[in-house]
């Protein structure tokens, strides 16, 4: 009874988590100002000198030059995607801190889903033997004959070992 309640609660929590994730993914983002777009692009691009920091975090001369180019291009009317494509064309895919493919963003959700499915299968398999216990030798009508047959087999094997 307690396992059933825990299983139900876990399933409801998993469905609620999935619903929140879907709502967040489908919700449209508010339009960004040019300064917000510039900061977002600076956070997406890798500093060519530091390599472990974004352009927004780095204080090197090259990061400052990239920040200036981002502002100039956005003020010139280019979209953030065009600015990003300019830097990718100039430096290669390496300049992006995050992978270009959104498939990589789904991997954590797929792993969580696979773990939850494995947990559900494990809980169901652990519960099934308790629900329907297997009959024992004592419960079956042929138990005396079967038990005697086993005893006789043991006797025969012991005699074979003694000989």
Protein backbone atom coordinates (compact mmCIF):
# COMPACT_ATOMS: atom_id res chain seq x y z
CA UNK A 1 0.00 0.00 0.00
CA UNK A 2 2.81 2.40 0.91
CA UNK A 3 4.77 1.44 -2.22
CA UNK A 4 1.72 2.14 -4.37
CA UNK A 5 1.35 5.61 -2.83
CA UNK A 6 5.06 6.33 -3.29
CA UNK A 7 4.92 5.15 -6.89
CA UNK A 8 1.87 7.34 -7.58
CA UNK A 9 3.50 10.35 -5.94
CA UNK A 10 6.69 9.87 -7.96
CA UNK A 11 4.73 9.57 -11.20
CA UNK A 12 2.74 12.75 -10.44
CA UNK A 13 5.93 14.64 -9.58
CA UNK A 14 7.58 13.50 -12.81
CA UNK A 15 4.58 14.58 -14.89
CA UNK A 16 4.52 17.97 -13.12
CA UNK A 17 8.24 18.47 -13.79
CA UNK A 18 7.77 17.63 -17.46
CA UNK A 19 4.83 20.05 -17.71
CA UNK A 20 6.89 22.89 -16.21
CA UNK A 21 9.74 22.17 -18.64
CA UNK A 22 7.38 22.21 -21.64
CA UNK A 23 5.75 25.47 -20.54
CA UNK A 24 9.16 27.13 -20.11
CA UNK A 25 10.30 25.95 -23.53
CA UNK A 26 7.16 27.11 -25.32
CA UNK A 27 6.78 30.48 -23.57
CA UNK A 28 7.79 33.35 -25.88
CA UNK A 29 10.58 35.57 -24.62
CA UNK A 30 10.00 39.32 -24.32
CA UNK A 31 11.82 41.48 -26.88
CA UNK A 32 15.31 42.53 -25.78
CA UNK A 33 16.85 45.98 -26.00
CA UNK A 34 20.07 46.50 -27.97
CA UNK A 35 22.11 46.57 -24.74
CA UNK A 36 20.49 43.31 -23.55
CA UNK A 37 21.16 41.72 -26.93
CA UNK A 38 24.79 42.83 -26.75
CA UNK A 39 25.20 41.38 -23.24
CA UNK A 40 23.58 38.11 -24.34
CA UNK A 41 25.94 37.84 -27.32
CA UNK A 42 28.95 38.66 -25.14
CA UNK A 43 27.96 35.81 -22.82
CA UNK A 44 27.64 33.38 -25.76
CA UNK A 45 31.02 34.08 -27.33
CA UNK A 46 34.33 32.67 -26.03
CA UNK A 47 37.27 34.99 -25.39
CA UNK A 48 39.99 34.16 -27.94
CA UNK A 49 42.76 34.76 -25.37
CA UNK A 50 41.28 33.21 -22.22
CA UNK A 51 39.42 30.31 -23.89
CA UNK A 52 37.69 29.40 -20.62
CA UNK A 53 35.81 32.69 -20.22
CA UNK A 54 33.14 34.40 -22.21
CA UNK A 55 33.75 37.80 -23.82
CA UNK A 56 31.51 39.32 -21.12
CA UNK A 57 33.70 37.89 -18.30
CA UNK A 58 37.11 38.54 -19.84
CA UNK A 59 38.94 41.85 -19.50
CA UNK A 60 41.54 41.26 -22.22
CA UNK A 61 42.05 43.64 -25.13
CA UNK A 62 40.66 41.17 -27.67
CA UNK A 63 37.51 40.64 -25.58
CA UNK A 64 37.06 44.42 -25.39
CA UNK A 65 37.44 44.66 -29.18
CA UNK A 66 34.83 41.94 -29.68
CA UNK A 67 32.42 43.72 -27.30
CA UNK A 68 32.88 46.94 -29.30
CA UNK A 69 32.26 45.09 -32.60
CA UNK A 70 29.08 43.52 -31.19
CA UNK A 71 27.68 46.94 -30.19
CA UNK A 72 28.62 48.47 -33.55
CA UNK A 73 27.01 45.68 -35.56
CA UNK A 74 23.80 45.75 -33.49
CA UNK A 75 23.63 49.55 -33.82
CA UNK A 76 24.06 49.12 -37.58
CA UNK A 77 20.83 47.10 -37.63
CA UNK A 78 22.13 43.56 -37.75
CA UNK A 79 20.26 40.88 -35.84
CA UNK A 80 21.92 38.93 -33.03
CA UNK A 81 21.95 35.85 -35.30
CA UNK A 82 23.82 37.80 -37.99
CA UNK A 83 26.36 39.07 -35.45
CA UNK A 84 26.85 35.54 -34.10
CA UNK A 85 27.27 34.20 -37.65
CA UNK A 86 29.89 36.91 -38.34
CA UNK A 87 32.02 35.75 -35.40
CA UNK A 88 31.52 32.06 -36.28
CA UNK A 89 32.67 32.81 -39.84
CA UNK A 90 35.70 34.69 -38.51
CA UNK A 91 36.77 32.33 -35.69
CA UNK A 92 34.90 29.07 -36.42
CA UNK A 93 32.41 27.14 -34.25
CA UNK A 94 34.97 27.21 -31.46
CA UNK A 95 34.02 30.80 -30.59
CA UNK A 96 30.60 29.66 -29.30
CA UNK A 97 30.56 28.63 -25.64
CA UNK A 98 27.49 26.43 -26.16
CA UNK A 99 27.14 23.84 -28.90
CA UNK A 100 25.30 25.00 -31.99
CA UNK A 101 23.00 21.97 -32.02
CA UNK A 102 20.06 22.07 -29.56
CA UNK A 103 20.15 18.27 -29.31
CA UNK A 104 22.89 18.57 -26.67
CA UNK A 105 20.49 20.52 -24.49
CA UNK A 106 18.05 17.59 -24.47
CA UNK A 107 20.54 15.02 -23.16
CA UNK A 108 19.97 15.79 -19.45
CA UNK A 109 16.21 15.43 -19.89
CA UNK A 110 16.65 12.16 -21.77
CA UNK A 111 18.91 10.79 -19.03
CA UNK A 112 16.41 11.78 -16.33
CA UNK A 113 13.60 10.16 -18.31
CA UNK A 114 15.58 6.95 -18.79
CA UNK A 115 16.43 6.83 -15.09
CA UNK A 116 12.77 7.37 -14.17
CA UNK A 117 11.68 4.62 -16.57
CA UNK A 118 14.27 2.27 -15.09
CA UNK A 119 13.07 3.08 -11.59
CA UNK A 120 9.47 2.39 -12.58
CA UNK A 121 10.39 -0.96 -14.14
CA UNK A 122 12.45 -1.89 -11.08
CA UNK A 123 9.63 -0.95 -8.69
CA UNK A 124 7.09 -2.94 -10.68
CA UNK A 125 9.32 -6.02 -10.90
CA UNK A 126 10.07 -5.84 -7.17
CA UNK A 127 6.36 -5.60 -6.39
CA UNK A 128 5.12 -8.42 -8.65
CA UNK A 129 6.55 -11.42 -6.71
CA UNK A 130 4.98 -10.12 -3.50
CA UNK A 131 1.58 -9.78 -5.14
CA UNK A 132 1.44 -13.37 -6.34
CA UNK A 133 3.62 -15.69 -4.22
CA UNK A 134 4.73 -18.88 -5.87
CA UNK A 135 3.32 -22.13 -4.48
CA UNK A 136 5.61 -24.14 -2.22
CA UNK A 137 6.05 -27.90 -2.13
CA UNK A 138 3.88 -28.10 0.97
CA UNK A 139 0.92 -26.40 -0.76
CA UNK A 140 0.78 -28.72 -3.73
CA UNK A 141 -1.21 -31.96 -3.63
CA UNK A 142 1.73 -33.97 -5.03
CA UNK A 143 4.08 -32.68 -2.33
CA UNK A 144 4.56 -35.98 -0.46
CA UNK A 145 5.47 -37.81 -3.68
CA UNK A 146 7.80 -35.03 -4.82
CA UNK A 147 9.50 -34.78 -1.44
CA UNK A 148 9.98 -38.55 -1.33
CA UNK A 149 11.44 -38.50 -4.84
CA UNK A 150 13.96 -35.84 -3.79
CA UNK A 151 14.91 -37.80 -0.67
CA UNK A 152 15.43 -40.96 -2.74
CA UNK A 153 17.62 -39.07 -5.22
CA UNK A 154 19.77 -37.71 -2.39
CA UNK A 155 20.11 -41.23 -0.93
CA UNK A 156 21.16 -42.60 -4.33
CA UNK A 157 23.79 -39.89 -4.78
CA UNK A 158 25.20 -40.40 -1.27
CA UNK A 159 25.45 -44.16 -1.91
CA UNK A 160 27.19 -43.49 -5.22
CA UNK A 161 29.73 -41.29 -3.43
CA UNK A 162 30.35 -43.87 -0.70
CA UNK A 163 31.00 -46.66 -3.20
